[in-house]
Amino acid sequence: MNETKIENPIVITPKAAVEIKRRLAEGKLPATGGLRLAVKGGGCSGFSYVFDLDQGPKDDDLVFEQDGARAFVDPKSFKFLQGLRVDFNPGMYKHGFQFENPNATKSCGCGSSFSV
């Protein structure tokens, strides 16, 4: 686990932190748990966001923590996610996690894929 100072880290908003912690508690995951963020090829814009809860970081993960919520990112995905802002919308329209990626040159309408 790499805990060195990272330029343009991933930002977890307070609303996203509350939701991550709620889901961890609901899923009965340990205190070491967090939101795993990754990128995979595919989607209508070239790359897709992949996210799920995980019990803890892997050895080479970068770990970002704000307001008691943690996000884990592998180094390969971080190249595409550096500076990402993770938010959560509790409303009926676009309900769920929202990603604002400064590296994306184009995003699909639903916000689940992007291109660089």
N, C-alpha and C. Protein backbone atom coordinates (compact mmCIF):
# COMPACT_ATOMS: atom_id res chain seq x y z
N MET A 1 0.85 -1.17 0.00
CA MET A 1 0.00 0.00 0.00
C MET A 1 0.90 1.23 0.00
N ASN A 2 0.67 2.13 -0.95
CA ASN A 2 1.47 3.33 -1.10
C ASN A 2 0.78 4.50 -0.41
N GLU A 3 1.43 5.08 0.58
CA GLU A 3 0.83 6.20 1.31
C GLU A 3 1.65 7.47 1.15
N THR A 4 2.40 7.61 0.05
CA THR A 4 3.16 8.81 -0.20
C THR A 4 2.24 9.90 -0.72
N LYS A 5 2.71 11.15 -0.63
CA LYS A 5 1.94 12.30 -1.12
C LYS A 5 1.79 12.20 -2.63
N ILE A 6 0.57 12.29 -3.12
CA ILE A 6 0.29 12.15 -4.54
C ILE A 6 -0.30 13.44 -5.07
N GLU A 7 0.26 13.89 -6.20
CA GLU A 7 -0.26 15.08 -6.84
C GLU A 7 -1.60 14.75 -7.49
N ASN A 8 -2.57 15.68 -7.40
CA ASN A 8 -3.90 15.48 -7.97
C ASN A 8 -4.55 14.18 -7.50
N PRO A 9 -4.75 14.05 -6.22
CA PRO A 9 -5.34 12.80 -5.70
C PRO A 9 -6.81 12.68 -6.07
N ILE A 10 -7.36 11.54 -5.78
CA ILE A 10 -8.79 11.33 -5.96
C ILE A 10 -9.51 11.97 -4.79
N VAL A 11 -10.56 12.72 -5.09
CA VAL A 11 -11.32 13.45 -4.07
C VAL A 11 -12.65 12.75 -3.85
N ILE A 12 -12.96 12.50 -2.60
CA ILE A 12 -14.24 11.92 -2.20
C ILE A 12 -15.03 13.03 -1.52
N THR A 13 -16.18 13.38 -2.08
CA THR A 13 -16.98 14.45 -1.49
C THR A 13 -17.63 13.94 -0.19
N PRO A 14 -18.09 14.86 0.66
CA PRO A 14 -18.76 14.43 1.89
C PRO A 14 -19.97 13.52 1.63
N LYS A 15 -20.77 13.83 0.59
CA LYS A 15 -21.94 12.98 0.28
C LYS A 15 -21.50 11.58 -0.16
N ALA A 16 -20.44 11.51 -0.94
CA ALA A 16 -19.94 10.20 -1.36
C ALA A 16 -19.37 9.43 -0.17
N ALA A 17 -18.69 10.13 0.74
CA ALA A 17 -18.13 9.48 1.92
C ALA A 17 -19.23 8.85 2.77
N VAL A 18 -20.31 9.59 2.96
CA VAL A 18 -21.44 9.07 3.75
C VAL A 18 -21.99 7.80 3.09
N GLU A 19 -22.14 7.82 1.77
CA GLU A 19 -22.69 6.66 1.06
C GLU A 19 -21.74 5.47 1.09
N ILE A 20 -20.45 5.72 0.93
CA ILE A 20 -19.47 4.62 0.99
C ILE A 20 -19.53 3.96 2.36
N LYS A 21 -19.53 4.76 3.42
CA LYS A 21 -19.57 4.20 4.78
C LYS A 21 -20.89 3.47 5.03
N ARG A 22 -21.99 3.99 4.50
CA ARG A 22 -23.29 3.35 4.68
C ARG A 22 -23.27 1.97 4.01
N ARG A 23 -22.76 1.91 2.80
CA ARG A 23 -22.73 0.64 2.07
C ARG A 23 -21.77 -0.37 2.71
N LEU A 24 -20.65 0.12 3.23
CA LEU A 24 -19.73 -0.78 3.93
C LEU A 24 -20.41 -1.39 5.15
N ALA A 25 -21.12 -0.55 5.92
CA ALA A 25 -21.82 -1.05 7.12
C ALA A 25 -22.93 -2.01 6.72
N GLU A 26 -23.67 -1.67 5.69
CA GLU A 26 -24.76 -2.52 5.22
C GLU A 26 -24.24 -3.88 4.75
N GLY A 27 -23.09 -3.88 4.11
CA GLY A 27 -22.49 -5.12 3.62
C GLY A 27 -21.65 -5.84 4.66
N LYS A 28 -21.60 -5.26 5.87
CA LYS A 28 -20.84 -5.83 6.98
C LYS A 28 -19.37 -6.05 6.62
N LEU A 29 -18.79 -5.08 5.90
CA LEU A 29 -17.38 -5.14 5.55
C LEU A 29 -16.55 -4.58 6.70
N PRO A 30 -15.30 -4.98 6.81
CA PRO A 30 -14.46 -4.53 7.92
C PRO A 30 -14.10 -3.04 7.80
N ALA A 31 -13.58 -2.49 8.87
CA ALA A 31 -13.17 -1.08 8.91
C ALA A 31 -12.08 -0.77 7.90
N THR A 32 -11.37 -1.78 7.43
CA THR A 32 -10.33 -1.59 6.42
C THR A 32 -10.90 -1.43 5.02
N GLY A 33 -12.22 -1.60 4.88
CA GLY A 33 -12.88 -1.58 3.58
C GLY A 33 -12.98 -0.21 2.96
N GLY A 34 -13.33 -0.21 1.68
CA GLY A 34 -13.50 1.03 0.96
C GLY A 34 -14.07 0.78 -0.42
N LEU A 35 -14.10 1.83 -1.22
CA LEU A 35 -14.60 1.78 -2.58
C LEU A 35 -13.44 1.54 -3.54
N ARG A 36 -13.49 0.45 -4.27
CA ARG A 36 -12.45 0.17 -5.27
C ARG A 36 -12.85 0.83 -6.58
N LEU A 37 -11.93 1.64 -7.12
CA LEU A 37 -12.16 2.33 -8.39
C LEU A 37 -11.15 1.82 -9.40
N ALA A 38 -11.61 1.58 -10.61
CA ALA A 38 -10.72 1.12 -11.67
C ALA A 38 -11.28 1.56 -13.02
N VAL A 39 -10.51 1.31 -14.04
CA VAL A 39 -10.89 1.63 -15.41
C VAL A 39 -10.70 0.38 -16.25
N LYS A 40 -11.62 0.14 -17.17
CA LYS A 40 -11.45 -0.97 -18.11
C LYS A 40 -11.82 -0.46 -19.50
N GLY A 41 -11.26 -1.08 -20.50
CA GLY A 41 -11.60 -0.73 -21.87
C GLY A 41 -13.02 -1.12 -22.17
N GLY A 42 -13.72 -0.28 -22.91
CA GLY A 42 -15.10 -0.59 -23.28
C GLY A 42 -16.02 0.58 -23.01
N GLY A 43 -17.27 0.37 -23.19
CA GLY A 43 -18.24 1.44 -23.02
C GLY A 43 -18.37 2.23 -24.31
N CYS A 44 -19.34 3.09 -24.38
CA CYS A 44 -19.59 3.81 -25.63
C CYS A 44 -18.56 4.91 -25.90
N SER A 45 -17.71 5.26 -24.93
CA SER A 45 -16.71 6.30 -25.14
C SER A 45 -15.27 5.79 -25.09
N GLY A 46 -15.05 4.50 -24.91
CA GLY A 46 -13.70 3.96 -24.93
C GLY A 46 -13.25 3.31 -23.63
N PHE A 47 -13.52 3.95 -22.51
CA PHE A 47 -13.17 3.40 -21.19
C PHE A 47 -14.40 3.44 -20.31
N SER A 48 -14.49 2.47 -19.41
CA SER A 48 -15.60 2.43 -18.44
C SER A 48 -15.06 2.50 -17.02
N TYR A 49 -15.82 3.15 -16.15
CA TYR A 49 -15.50 3.16 -14.73
C TYR A 49 -15.96 1.84 -14.14
N VAL A 50 -15.14 1.28 -13.27
CA VAL A 50 -15.49 0.07 -12.55
C VAL A 50 -15.37 0.43 -11.07
N PHE A 51 -16.42 0.15 -10.31
CA PHE A 51 -16.36 0.44 -8.88
C PHE A 51 -17.19 -0.56 -8.12
N ASP A 52 -16.66 -0.91 -6.94
CA ASP A 52 -17.32 -1.88 -6.08
C ASP A 52 -16.72 -1.74 -4.69
N LEU A 53 -17.36 -2.29 -3.71
CA LEU A 53 -16.81 -2.29 -2.37
C LEU A 53 -15.75 -3.38 -2.25
N ASP A 54 -14.74 -3.13 -1.46
CA ASP A 54 -13.68 -4.10 -1.25
C ASP A 54 -13.32 -4.12 0.23
N GLN A 55 -12.85 -5.25 0.72
CA GLN A 55 -12.52 -5.40 2.13
C GLN A 55 -11.27 -4.65 2.55
N GLY A 56 -10.43 -4.30 1.61
CA GLY A 56 -9.21 -3.57 1.94
C GLY A 56 -8.34 -3.40 0.71
N PRO A 57 -7.28 -2.61 0.83
CA PRO A 57 -6.41 -2.36 -0.32
C PRO A 57 -5.51 -3.56 -0.62
N LYS A 58 -5.12 -3.66 -1.88
CA LYS A 58 -4.11 -4.63 -2.30
C LYS A 58 -2.74 -3.99 -2.09
N ASP A 59 -1.69 -4.78 -2.14
CA ASP A 59 -0.34 -4.30 -1.84
C ASP A 59 0.09 -3.10 -2.66
N ASP A 60 -0.26 -3.05 -3.94
CA ASP A 60 0.21 -1.96 -4.79
C ASP A 60 -0.81 -0.84 -4.97
N ASP A 61 -1.95 -0.91 -4.29
CA ASP A 61 -2.99 0.11 -4.42
C ASP A 61 -2.55 1.46 -3.88
N LEU A 62 -3.09 2.49 -4.48
CA LEU A 62 -3.03 3.84 -3.93
C LEU A 62 -4.30 3.99 -3.10
N VAL A 63 -4.18 4.55 -1.91
CA VAL A 63 -5.32 4.67 -1.01
C VAL A 63 -5.61 6.14 -0.76
N PHE A 64 -6.87 6.53 -0.94
CA PHE A 64 -7.30 7.90 -0.72
C PHE A 64 -8.39 7.88 0.34
N GLU A 65 -8.27 8.76 1.32
CA GLU A 65 -9.25 8.77 2.42
C GLU A 65 -9.69 10.19 2.71
N GLN A 66 -11.01 10.36 2.80
CA GLN A 66 -11.60 11.63 3.19
C GLN A 66 -12.86 11.37 3.98
N ASP A 67 -13.03 12.13 5.03
CA ASP A 67 -14.22 12.02 5.88
C ASP A 67 -14.49 10.59 6.33
N GLY A 68 -13.42 9.82 6.57
CA GLY A 68 -13.56 8.46 7.07
C GLY A 68 -13.90 7.42 6.02
N ALA A 69 -13.95 7.81 4.74
CA ALA A 69 -14.21 6.86 3.65
C ALA A 69 -12.95 6.71 2.82
N ARG A 70 -12.73 5.48 2.36
CA ARG A 70 -11.51 5.22 1.61
C ARG A 70 -11.82 4.74 0.19
N ALA A 71 -10.91 5.08 -0.72
CA ALA A 71 -10.99 4.60 -2.10
C ALA A 71 -9.66 3.94 -2.43
N PHE A 72 -9.71 2.81 -3.12
CA PHE A 72 -8.52 2.05 -3.52
C PHE A 72 -8.42 2.08 -5.04
N VAL A 73 -7.23 2.39 -5.54
CA VAL A 73 -7.02 2.47 -6.99
C VAL A 73 -5.70 1.80 -7.34
N ASP A 74 -5.72 0.93 -8.34
CA ASP A 74 -4.48 0.32 -8.79
C ASP A 74 -3.69 1.35 -9.61
N PRO A 75 -2.37 1.25 -9.63
CA PRO A 75 -1.54 2.25 -10.32
C PRO A 75 -1.87 2.43 -11.80
N LYS A 76 -2.24 1.35 -12.49
CA LYS A 76 -2.57 1.45 -13.92
C LYS A 76 -3.83 2.30 -14.13
N SER A 77 -4.85 2.07 -13.32
CA SER A 77 -6.09 2.85 -13.43
C SER A 77 -5.88 4.29 -13.00
N PHE A 78 -4.97 4.52 -12.04
CA PHE A 78 -4.76 5.87 -11.54
C PHE A 78 -4.30 6.82 -12.64
N LYS A 79 -3.60 6.31 -13.64
CA LYS A 79 -3.17 7.15 -14.76
C LYS A 79 -4.37 7.81 -15.43
N PHE A 80 -5.51 7.13 -15.44
CA PHE A 80 -6.73 7.65 -16.06
C PHE A 80 -7.64 8.36 -15.06
N LEU A 81 -7.41 8.12 -13.77
CA LEU A 81 -8.31 8.65 -12.73
C LEU A 81 -7.69 9.77 -11.89
N GLN A 82 -6.46 10.13 -12.16
CA GLN A 82 -5.78 11.15 -11.35
C GLN A 82 -6.60 12.44 -11.37
N GLY A 83 -6.92 12.94 -10.19
CA GLY A 83 -7.72 14.15 -10.06
C GLY A 83 -9.22 13.91 -10.07
N LEU A 84 -9.65 12.64 -10.14
CA LEU A 84 -11.07 12.30 -10.18
C LEU A 84 -11.78 12.81 -8.92
N ARG A 85 -12.99 13.32 -9.10
CA ARG A 85 -13.85 13.74 -7.99
C ARG A 85 -15.02 12.77 -7.96
N VAL A 86 -15.18 12.07 -6.83
CA VAL A 86 -16.25 11.11 -6.64
C VAL A 86 -17.32 11.76 -5.79
N ASP A 87 -18.52 11.87 -6.33
CA ASP A 87 -19.64 12.47 -5.61
C ASP A 87 -20.77 11.44 -5.58
N PHE A 88 -21.81 11.74 -4.80
CA PHE A 88 -22.97 10.87 -4.75
C PHE A 88 -24.22 11.72 -4.85
N ASN A 89 -25.13 11.33 -5.73
CA ASN A 89 -26.40 12.03 -5.90
C ASN A 89 -27.51 11.14 -5.35
N PRO A 90 -28.13 11.57 -4.23
CA PRO A 90 -29.19 10.75 -3.65
C PRO A 90 -30.55 10.94 -4.32
N GLY A 91 -30.65 11.89 -5.26
CA GLY A 91 -31.93 12.20 -5.90
C GLY A 91 -32.39 11.14 -6.87
N MET A 92 -33.57 11.34 -7.41
CA MET A 92 -34.14 10.38 -8.36
C MET A 92 -33.48 10.48 -9.73
N TYR A 93 -33.07 11.68 -10.13
CA TYR A 93 -32.42 11.86 -11.42
C TYR A 93 -30.92 11.67 -11.25
N LYS A 94 -30.34 10.77 -12.04
CA LYS A 94 -28.91 10.44 -11.97
C LYS A 94 -28.49 9.99 -10.57
N HIS A 95 -29.34 9.19 -9.93
CA HIS A 95 -29.07 8.65 -8.60
C HIS A 95 -27.82 7.78 -8.64
N GLY A 96 -26.97 7.94 -7.64
CA GLY A 96 -25.79 7.08 -7.52
C GLY A 96 -24.50 7.86 -7.52
N PHE A 97 -23.40 7.13 -7.63
CA PHE A 97 -22.09 7.76 -7.64
C PHE A 97 -21.90 8.50 -8.96
N GLN A 98 -21.32 9.68 -8.86
CA GLN A 98 -21.03 10.53 -10.02
C GLN A 98 -19.53 10.75 -10.08
N PHE A 99 -18.97 10.74 -11.28
CA PHE A 99 -17.53 10.90 -11.45
C PHE A 99 -17.24 12.12 -12.32
N GLU A 100 -16.41 13.01 -11.80
CA GLU A 100 -15.94 14.16 -12.57
C GLU A 100 -14.45 13.93 -12.80
N ASN A 101 -14.13 13.59 -14.05
CA ASN A 101 -12.77 13.19 -14.39
C ASN A 101 -12.10 14.27 -15.24
N PRO A 102 -11.09 14.96 -14.70
CA PRO A 102 -10.43 16.02 -15.47
C PRO A 102 -9.62 15.49 -16.66
N ASN A 103 -9.40 14.19 -16.71
CA ASN A 103 -8.65 13.58 -17.82
C ASN A 103 -9.54 13.24 -19.01
N ALA A 104 -10.84 13.21 -18.80
CA ALA A 104 -11.77 12.81 -19.85
C ALA A 104 -11.94 13.94 -20.88
N THR A 105 -11.76 13.58 -22.13
CA THR A 105 -12.00 14.56 -23.20
C THR A 105 -13.43 14.45 -23.70
N LYS A 106 -14.06 13.31 -23.44
CA LYS A 106 -15.44 13.07 -23.86
C LYS A 106 -16.05 12.05 -22.90
N SER A 107 -17.32 12.23 -22.57
CA SER A 107 -18.04 11.27 -21.72
C SER A 107 -19.35 10.91 -22.38
N CYS A 108 -19.86 9.74 -22.05
CA CYS A 108 -21.17 9.35 -22.57
C CYS A 108 -22.26 10.05 -21.77
N GLY A 109 -23.46 9.99 -22.25
CA GLY A 109 -24.58 10.67 -21.60
C GLY A 109 -24.88 10.18 -20.20
N CYS A 110 -24.66 8.89 -19.95
CA CYS A 110 -24.97 8.34 -18.62
C CYS A 110 -23.82 8.55 -17.64
N GLY A 111 -22.62 8.95 -18.13
CA GLY A 111 -21.50 9.21 -17.24
C GLY A 111 -20.73 7.98 -16.80
N SER A 112 -21.02 6.82 -17.41
CA SER A 112 -20.33 5.61 -16.98
C SER A 112 -19.13 5.26 -17.84
N SER A 113 -18.94 5.99 -18.96
CA SER A 113 -17.75 5.76 -19.77
C SER A 113 -17.19 7.09 -20.26
N PHE A 114 -15.93 7.05 -20.70
CA PHE A 114 -15.23 8.28 -21.09
C PHE A 114 -14.11 7.94 -22.05
N SER A 115 -13.55 8.98 -22.67
CA SER A 115 -12.36 8.81 -23.50
C SER A 115 -11.34 9.85 -23.07
N VAL A 116 -10.07 9.57 -23.36
CA VAL A 116 -8.98 10.50 -23.02
C VAL A 116 -8.23 10.90 -24.27
